[in-house]
Amino acid sequence: MGSKIWILLVLALPILLFVTDTFIVSPAIYEKEGALHDFFIKYLVSPAEKMGLSMDDIIYFLPKYVWDFYIIIFSTLLIMITDIKFSDFGFSFTGLKKEIIIGVLFFVVDIILVFGVIYVSSYIPNYVKDFSLSNFGAEKSDVSSNGSASVPAESAKPILGFKFLILNFILYFFFVGPAEEVFRLFTFLKLEKVSNGFVAFVLSAFMFGAMHIFGSGFQCINAFVGGLAYNALWLLRGRRIMSPIVAHGFYDFMLTVLPFIF
């Protein structure tokens, strides 16, 4: 298959991810009314309630876990059917303490970039910044009192507490960080095989930004800039993925917690 075809296919991956989640994954999990199928109520909601989680906790976290778990499955399938290998990502627990420290310190770079994006976005029309594909998804309602869970399009954040911090820590460090880093770096590695390093560096970050179109145009721009930064960190760390995962997880985790502090 020619390099141009592969480039087009890789750029189409965010669309394929969104379409399959909307029309295959979500319908398999949620009923038309937005409630979870009985199977998932039994294996997701009931155990969560036994752990002491409130319905607000379940409503808030469930769609995030489902989405990122699907990205992990989607990325794994892509790796299995292509010439990319898991070893190409640089998974290694050697020197993990150093990778964690570097990842956490990279938060400073992330914050500088965010303020830069906020400044630049002030010159971008609102219809671009506010554009979102989320309204194309299935309508979702609340969790009912009888335990039939559903996922609202907009759910209120739970009160900041120990459970909230632990759940966010697990979500961002063990789901979001690994899922999005592997997904973006897969496109980097694949594009690198069919083009040059600069094209792979930029287009993989662009794809990463496009993957956030279900959120908003601003999120796309911010994710694109973040994708460039995490690509650079991955290369600077000798193509080792642990520090980008930690940096990504810590960034998202802190952005979730900071609104409760300030």
Protein backbone atom coordinates (compact mmCIF):
# COMPACT_ATOMS: atom_id res chain seq x y z
CA MET A 1 0.00 0.00 0.00
CA GLY A 2 1.39 3.42 -0.99
CA SER A 3 2.59 5.97 1.54
CA LYS A 4 -0.09 8.52 0.56
CA ILE A 5 -2.84 5.97 1.18
CA TRP A 6 -1.41 5.17 4.62
CA ILE A 7 -1.21 8.85 5.49
CA LEU A 8 -4.88 9.31 4.57
CA LEU A 9 -5.87 6.20 6.53
CA VAL A 10 -4.01 7.36 9.62
CA LEU A 11 -5.58 10.82 9.44
CA ALA A 12 -8.99 9.14 9.22
CA LEU A 13 -8.43 7.19 12.46
CA PRO A 14 -10.01 9.84 14.77
CA ILE A 15 -13.15 9.79 12.61
CA LEU A 16 -13.17 5.99 12.61
CA LEU A 17 -12.71 5.98 16.39
CA PHE A 18 -15.60 8.38 16.94
CA VAL A 19 -17.93 6.65 14.45
CA THR A 20 -17.32 3.16 15.84
CA ASP A 21 -17.79 4.39 19.40
CA THR A 22 -21.02 6.18 18.49
CA PHE A 23 -22.62 3.51 16.33
CA ILE A 24 -21.08 0.25 17.59
CA VAL A 25 -19.67 0.56 21.11
CA SER A 26 -22.24 2.88 22.72
CA PRO A 27 -25.30 1.06 21.30
CA ALA A 28 -23.84 -2.19 22.65
CA ILE A 29 -23.56 -0.66 26.13
CA TYR A 30 -26.52 1.72 26.36
CA GLU A 31 -30.15 1.17 25.52
CA LYS A 32 -32.08 3.63 23.36
CA GLU A 33 -33.32 5.48 26.43
CA GLY A 34 -29.71 5.96 27.54
CA ALA A 35 -29.81 3.34 30.29
CA LEU A 36 -27.12 0.72 30.60
CA HIS A 37 -27.97 -2.80 29.50
CA ASP A 38 -28.63 -5.20 32.38
CA PHE A 39 -25.30 -6.96 31.80
CA PHE A 40 -23.34 -3.77 32.50
CA ILE A 41 -25.55 -2.80 35.42
CA LYS A 42 -24.63 -6.13 37.02
CA TYR A 43 -20.90 -5.91 36.34
CA LEU A 44 -20.30 -2.15 36.55
CA VAL A 45 -22.94 -0.31 38.55
CA SER A 46 -23.62 -2.88 41.25
CA PRO A 47 -19.93 -3.38 42.18
CA ALA A 48 -19.42 0.40 42.12
CA GLU A 49 -22.29 0.88 44.56
CA LYS A 50 -20.88 -1.84 46.83
CA MET A 51 -17.59 0.07 46.84
CA GLY A 52 -19.47 3.05 48.25
CA LEU A 53 -19.64 5.14 45.09
CA SER A 54 -22.66 7.39 44.72
CA MET A 55 -24.74 7.60 41.57
CA ASP A 56 -23.17 10.99 40.88
CA ASP A 57 -19.74 9.35 40.96
CA ILE A 58 -20.90 6.62 38.57
CA ILE A 59 -22.53 9.10 36.19
CA TYR A 60 -19.41 11.26 36.11
CA PHE A 61 -16.75 8.58 35.74
CA LEU A 62 -18.43 5.80 33.75
CA PRO A 63 -18.38 7.44 30.28
CA LYS A 64 -14.75 8.48 30.79
CA TYR A 65 -13.67 4.94 31.65
CA VAL A 66 -15.69 3.43 28.80
CA TRP A 67 -14.27 5.88 26.25
CA ASP A 68 -10.63 5.43 27.20
CA PHE A 69 -10.98 1.68 27.62
CA TYR A 70 -12.30 1.58 24.07
CA ILE A 71 -9.32 3.65 22.86
CA ILE A 72 -7.02 1.05 24.45
CA ILE A 73 -8.85 -1.77 22.64
CA PHE A 74 -8.92 0.20 19.39
CA SER A 75 -5.19 0.96 19.58
CA THR A 76 -4.33 -2.65 20.43
CA LEU A 77 -6.22 -3.88 17.39
CA LEU A 78 -4.41 -1.35 15.19
CA ILE A 79 -1.05 -2.57 16.48
CA MET A 80 -1.99 -6.21 15.95
CA ILE A 81 -3.06 -5.76 12.32
CA THR A 82 -0.15 -3.53 11.25
CA ASP A 83 3.63 -3.74 11.29
CA ILE A 84 3.89 -1.70 14.50
CA LYS A 85 5.10 -3.59 17.58
CA PHE A 86 4.43 -2.88 21.24
CA SER A 87 8.19 -2.73 21.79
CA ASP A 88 8.36 0.27 19.41
CA PHE A 89 6.62 2.44 22.01
CA GLY A 90 9.41 2.08 24.55
CA PHE A 91 7.53 0.51 27.43
CA SER A 92 10.12 -0.04 30.13
CA PHE A 93 10.08 0.08 33.92
CA THR A 94 13.84 0.55 34.07
CA GLY A 95 14.60 3.89 35.67
CA LEU A 96 10.89 4.37 36.36
CA LYS A 97 11.51 6.79 39.24
CA LYS A 98 13.38 9.14 36.91
CA GLU A 99 10.66 8.87 34.26
CA ILE A 100 8.01 9.75 36.85
CA ILE A 101 9.94 12.79 38.06
CA ILE A 102 10.47 14.02 34.49
CA GLY A 103 6.80 13.45 33.69
CA VAL A 104 5.63 15.42 36.73
CA LEU A 105 8.08 18.27 36.06
CA PHE A 106 6.83 18.45 32.49
CA PHE A 107 3.60 19.86 33.95
CA VAL A 108 5.36 23.25 33.99
CA VAL A 109 5.78 23.04 30.20
CA ASP A 110 2.14 21.99 29.86
CA ILE A 111 0.91 24.99 31.83
CA ILE A 112 3.01 27.42 29.77
CA LEU A 113 1.61 25.90 26.59
CA VAL A 114 -1.97 26.10 27.89
CA PHE A 115 -1.65 29.81 28.62
CA GLY A 116 -0.16 30.25 25.16
CA VAL A 117 -3.12 28.43 23.57
CA ILE A 118 -5.58 30.52 25.60
CA TYR A 119 -3.87 33.69 24.41
CA VAL A 120 -3.82 32.64 20.75
CA SER A 121 -7.39 31.33 20.87
CA SER A 122 -8.61 34.83 21.76
CA TYR A 123 -8.02 35.65 18.09
CA ILE A 124 -9.98 32.61 16.88
CA PRO A 125 -13.73 32.97 16.13
CA ASN A 126 -16.03 31.47 18.76
CA TYR A 127 -17.79 29.22 16.25
CA VAL A 128 -14.43 27.48 15.71
CA LYS A 129 -13.54 27.25 19.40
CA ASP A 130 -17.00 26.01 20.41
CA PHE A 131 -17.54 23.54 17.56
CA SER A 132 -18.19 20.00 18.81
CA LEU A 133 -19.35 16.67 17.44
CA SER A 134 -20.77 15.61 20.79
CA ASN A 135 -24.26 16.68 19.77
CA PHE A 136 -24.23 13.96 17.12
CA GLY A 137 -24.04 11.24 19.78
CA ALA A 138 -26.99 9.40 21.23
CA GLU A 139 -29.09 11.28 23.76
CA LYS A 140 -28.24 10.15 27.25
CA SER A 141 -30.21 10.59 30.45
CA ASP A 142 -29.47 10.26 34.14
CA VAL A 143 -29.01 7.24 36.37
CA SER A 144 -32.33 6.17 37.75
CA SER A 145 -32.97 5.32 41.36
CA ASN A 146 -33.53 1.63 40.55
CA GLY A 147 -29.92 1.21 39.47
CA SER A 148 -30.35 1.41 35.70
CA ALA A 149 -27.43 3.63 34.83
CA SER A 150 -27.19 6.01 31.93
CA VAL A 151 -24.72 8.70 31.00
CA PRO A 152 -25.77 12.34 30.74
CA ALA A 153 -24.18 14.59 28.15
CA GLU A 154 -23.35 17.06 30.92
CA SER A 155 -22.99 15.77 34.49
CA ALA A 156 -22.08 17.78 37.55
CA LYS A 157 -18.70 17.12 39.07
CA PRO A 158 -18.77 15.34 42.43
CA ILE A 159 -17.54 17.15 45.51
CA LEU A 160 -13.77 17.08 45.87
CA GLY A 161 -12.91 14.29 48.28
CA PHE A 162 -10.73 11.25 48.78
CA LYS A 163 -12.82 8.99 46.49
CA PHE A 164 -12.88 11.67 43.79
CA LEU A 165 -9.09 12.04 43.93
CA ILE A 166 -8.47 8.29 43.84
CA LEU A 167 -10.87 7.71 40.95
CA ASN A 168 -9.33 10.57 38.97
CA PHE A 169 -5.83 9.28 39.71
CA ILE A 170 -6.75 5.82 38.39
CA LEU A 171 -8.59 7.28 35.41
CA TYR A 172 -5.85 9.59 34.18
CA PHE A 173 -2.73 7.59 35.05
CA PHE A 174 -3.99 4.14 34.09
CA PHE A 175 -6.56 4.87 31.37
CA VAL A 176 -6.30 8.32 29.75
CA GLY A 177 -2.50 8.64 29.79
CA PRO A 178 -1.68 5.19 28.36
CA ALA A 179 -4.65 5.13 25.95
CA GLU A 180 -4.07 8.51 24.32
CA GLU A 181 -0.28 8.21 24.27
CA VAL A 182 -0.39 4.80 22.57
CA PHE A 183 -3.03 5.99 20.10
CA ARG A 184 -1.04 9.09 19.11
CA LEU A 185 2.34 7.38 19.03
CA PHE A 186 0.89 4.59 16.90
CA THR A 187 0.15 7.19 14.23
CA PHE A 188 3.63 8.69 14.75
CA LEU A 189 5.30 5.32 14.21
CA LYS A 190 3.11 4.38 11.24
CA LEU A 191 3.54 7.75 9.53
CA GLU A 192 7.28 7.56 10.15
CA LYS A 193 7.39 4.29 8.22
CA VAL A 194 5.65 5.78 5.16
CA SER A 195 6.93 9.39 5.24
CA ASN A 196 9.59 11.36 7.11
CA GLY A 197 10.05 12.19 10.76
CA PHE A 198 8.78 15.77 10.53
CA VAL A 199 5.54 14.71 8.84
CA ALA A 200 5.03 12.02 11.48
CA PHE A 201 5.77 14.50 14.28
CA VAL A 202 3.23 17.09 13.11
CA LEU A 203 0.48 14.91 11.65
CA SER A 204 0.33 12.58 14.65
CA ALA A 205 -0.19 15.64 16.89
CA PHE A 206 -2.82 16.94 14.46
CA MET A 207 -4.59 13.58 14.64
CA PHE A 208 -4.42 13.72 18.43
CA GLY A 209 -6.07 17.13 18.32
CA ALA A 210 -8.75 15.91 15.92
CA MET A 211 -9.55 13.08 18.31
CA HIS A 212 -10.87 15.73 20.74
CA ILE A 213 -13.44 17.11 18.30
CA PHE A 214 -16.17 15.47 20.38
CA GLY A 215 -15.24 18.02 23.05
CA SER A 216 -14.71 21.42 21.44
CA GLY A 217 -12.62 23.26 18.91
CA PHE A 218 -10.56 24.76 21.73
CA GLN A 219 -9.81 21.27 23.07
CA CYS A 220 -8.67 20.25 19.59
CA ILE A 221 -6.23 23.15 19.40
CA ASN A 222 -4.96 22.57 22.92
CA ALA A 223 -4.57 18.82 22.30
CA PHE A 224 -2.69 19.49 19.06
CA VAL A 225 -0.17 21.68 20.89
CA GLY A 226 0.01 19.16 23.72
CA GLY A 227 0.55 16.38 21.18
CA LEU A 228 3.55 18.22 19.76
CA ALA A 229 4.96 18.61 23.29
CA TYR A 230 4.44 14.95 24.22
CA ASN A 231 5.95 13.84 20.91
CA ALA A 232 9.00 15.95 21.70
CA LEU A 233 9.22 14.51 25.21
CA TRP A 234 9.00 10.96 23.82
CA LEU A 235 11.84 11.64 21.40
CA LEU A 236 13.97 13.40 24.01
CA ARG A 237 13.53 10.46 26.36
CA GLY A 238 14.94 8.11 23.74
CA ARG A 239 11.51 6.93 22.56
CA ARG A 240 10.49 5.79 26.03
CA ILE A 241 6.77 6.16 26.67
CA MET A 242 6.61 6.17 30.46
CA SER A 243 7.46 9.86 30.99
CA PRO A 244 4.89 11.04 28.39
CA ILE A 245 2.25 8.81 30.06
CA VAL A 246 3.06 10.28 33.48
CA ALA A 247 3.16 13.83 32.08
CA HIS A 248 -0.15 13.33 30.30
CA GLY A 249 -1.82 11.75 33.31
CA PHE A 250 -0.52 14.34 35.76
CA TYR A 251 -1.60 17.21 33.49
CA ASP A 252 -5.17 15.95 33.15
CA PHE A 253 -5.34 15.01 36.82
CA MET A 254 -4.21 18.46 37.96
CA LEU A 255 -6.58 20.27 35.59
CA THR A 256 -9.43 18.27 37.15
CA VAL A 257 -8.40 19.14 40.70
CA LEU A 258 -7.34 22.78 40.27
CA PRO A 259 -10.90 24.17 39.77
CA PHE A 260 -11.74 22.90 43.27
CA ILE A 261 -8.73 24.72 44.74
CA PHE A 262 -8.90 28.11 43.00
